């Protein structure tokens, strides 16, 4: 388990700097600070959500494999619906955001 975690952390450290630099090139110069603050805020928020989702995936003692799969199905259904709703909201406000960034 620890080698797998070390592999994920190493991959994250190698990719995160490149992804932030590439995304920073796409943002207008007067909005780079806002972008970096938003990026870090969303990274922390996603870590909180991941911990919250992990709480629901812990299989309690005495549960069978079939009932734990139903728990996983319920959790992934909620995550999928949430992502769909956020995607629709982002699509709706994307024109306003583009207009703000062009000023």
Protein backbone atom coordinates (compact mmCIF):
# COMPACT_ATOMS: atom_id res chain seq x y z
CA UNK A 1 0.00 0.00 0.00
CA UNK A 2 2.79 2.43 0.86
CA UNK A 3 4.65 1.92 -2.47
CA UNK A 4 1.42 2.62 -4.38
CA UNK A 5 0.88 5.79 -2.35
CA UNK A 6 4.48 6.85 -2.98
CA UNK A 7 3.97 6.28 -6.71
CA UNK A 8 0.84 8.45 -6.74
CA UNK A 9 2.51 11.22 -4.76
CA UNK A 10 5.56 11.19 -7.06
CA UNK A 11 3.33 11.37 -10.13
CA UNK A 12 1.36 14.21 -8.61
CA UNK A 13 4.50 16.18 -7.82
CA UNK A 14 5.80 15.71 -11.35
CA UNK A 15 2.54 16.67 -13.07
CA UNK A 16 1.17 19.46 -10.88
CA UNK A 17 3.93 21.98 -11.65
CA UNK A 18 3.58 21.48 -15.39
CA UNK A 19 -0.21 21.70 -15.29
CA UNK A 20 -0.22 24.91 -13.25
CA UNK A 21 2.38 26.47 -15.56
CA UNK A 22 0.42 25.52 -18.67
CA UNK A 23 -2.85 26.78 -17.25
CA UNK A 24 -1.15 29.97 -16.08
CA UNK A 25 -0.09 30.71 -19.66
CA UNK A 26 -3.74 30.62 -20.78
CA UNK A 27 -4.87 33.20 -18.22
CA UNK A 28 -4.50 36.93 -19.01
CA UNK A 29 -1.61 38.53 -17.13
CA UNK A 30 -3.80 40.70 -14.92
CA UNK A 31 -5.74 37.62 -13.67
CA UNK A 32 -2.88 35.22 -12.87
CA UNK A 33 -3.06 35.89 -9.11
CA UNK A 34 -6.80 35.25 -9.05
CA UNK A 35 -6.29 32.05 -11.01
CA UNK A 36 -3.63 30.75 -8.62
CA UNK A 37 -5.80 31.51 -5.58
CA UNK A 38 -8.76 29.76 -7.19
CA UNK A 39 -6.62 26.77 -8.18
CA UNK A 40 -5.33 26.32 -4.62
CA UNK A 41 -8.79 26.85 -3.11
CA UNK A 42 -10.29 24.19 -5.37
CA UNK A 43 -7.44 21.78 -4.59
CA UNK A 44 -8.15 22.10 -0.87
CA UNK A 45 -11.89 21.84 -1.39
CA UNK A 46 -11.49 18.69 -3.48
CA UNK A 47 -9.34 17.14 -0.74
CA UNK A 48 -12.13 17.83 1.77
CA UNK A 49 -14.69 16.26 -0.55
CA UNK A 50 -12.45 13.22 -1.08
CA UNK A 51 -12.23 12.72 2.69
CA UNK A 52 -15.99 13.07 2.97
CA UNK A 53 -16.54 10.49 0.20
CA UNK A 54 -14.06 8.14 1.85
CA UNK A 55 -16.17 8.15 4.99
CA UNK A 56 -19.05 6.63 3.02
CA UNK A 57 -16.94 3.93 1.37
CA UNK A 58 -15.67 2.30 4.55
CA UNK A 59 -17.17 -1.18 4.79
CA UNK A 60 -18.44 -1.85 8.28
CA UNK A 61 -17.73 -5.13 10.06
CA UNK A 62 -20.21 -7.86 9.34
CA UNK A 63 -21.35 -6.49 5.97
CA UNK A 64 -21.31 -8.80 3.01
CA UNK A 65 -19.74 -7.98 -0.33
CA UNK A 66 -23.14 -7.55 -1.96
CA UNK A 67 -24.36 -4.93 0.51
CA UNK A 68 -21.06 -3.02 0.34
CA UNK A 69 -21.38 -2.89 -3.46
CA UNK A 70 -24.79 -1.28 -3.06
CA UNK A 71 -23.19 1.34 -0.80
CA UNK A 72 -20.53 2.02 -3.43
CA UNK A 73 -23.20 2.28 -6.14
CA UNK A 74 -25.12 4.83 -4.09
CA UNK A 75 -22.02 6.92 -3.43
CA UNK A 76 -20.90 6.93 -7.07
CA UNK A 77 -24.44 7.79 -8.18
CA UNK A 78 -24.41 10.85 -5.92
CA UNK A 79 -20.95 11.85 -7.19
CA UNK A 80 -22.07 11.44 -10.81
CA UNK A 81 -25.22 13.51 -10.34
CA UNK A 82 -23.21 16.20 -8.52
CA UNK A 83 -20.66 16.40 -11.32
CA UNK A 84 -23.45 16.63 -13.89
CA UNK A 85 -25.12 19.49 -12.01
CA UNK A 86 -21.84 21.39 -11.56
CA UNK A 87 -21.05 20.87 -15.25
CA UNK A 88 -24.40 22.34 -16.30
CA UNK A 89 -23.87 25.33 -13.99
CA UNK A 90 -20.36 25.89 -15.37
CA UNK A 91 -21.66 25.70 -18.93
CA UNK A 92 -24.30 28.28 -18.07
CA UNK A 93 -21.88 30.78 -16.50
CA UNK A 94 -18.96 30.23 -18.90
CA UNK A 95 -20.04 33.08 -21.18
CA UNK A 96 -20.09 35.51 -18.27
CA UNK A 97 -16.67 34.36 -17.11
CA UNK A 98 -15.24 34.73 -20.63
CA UNK A 99 -16.68 38.25 -20.83
CA UNK A 100 -15.07 39.17 -17.48
CA UNK A 101 -11.66 37.85 -18.52
CA UNK A 102 -11.64 39.83 -21.79
CA UNK A 103 -12.00 43.17 -20.00
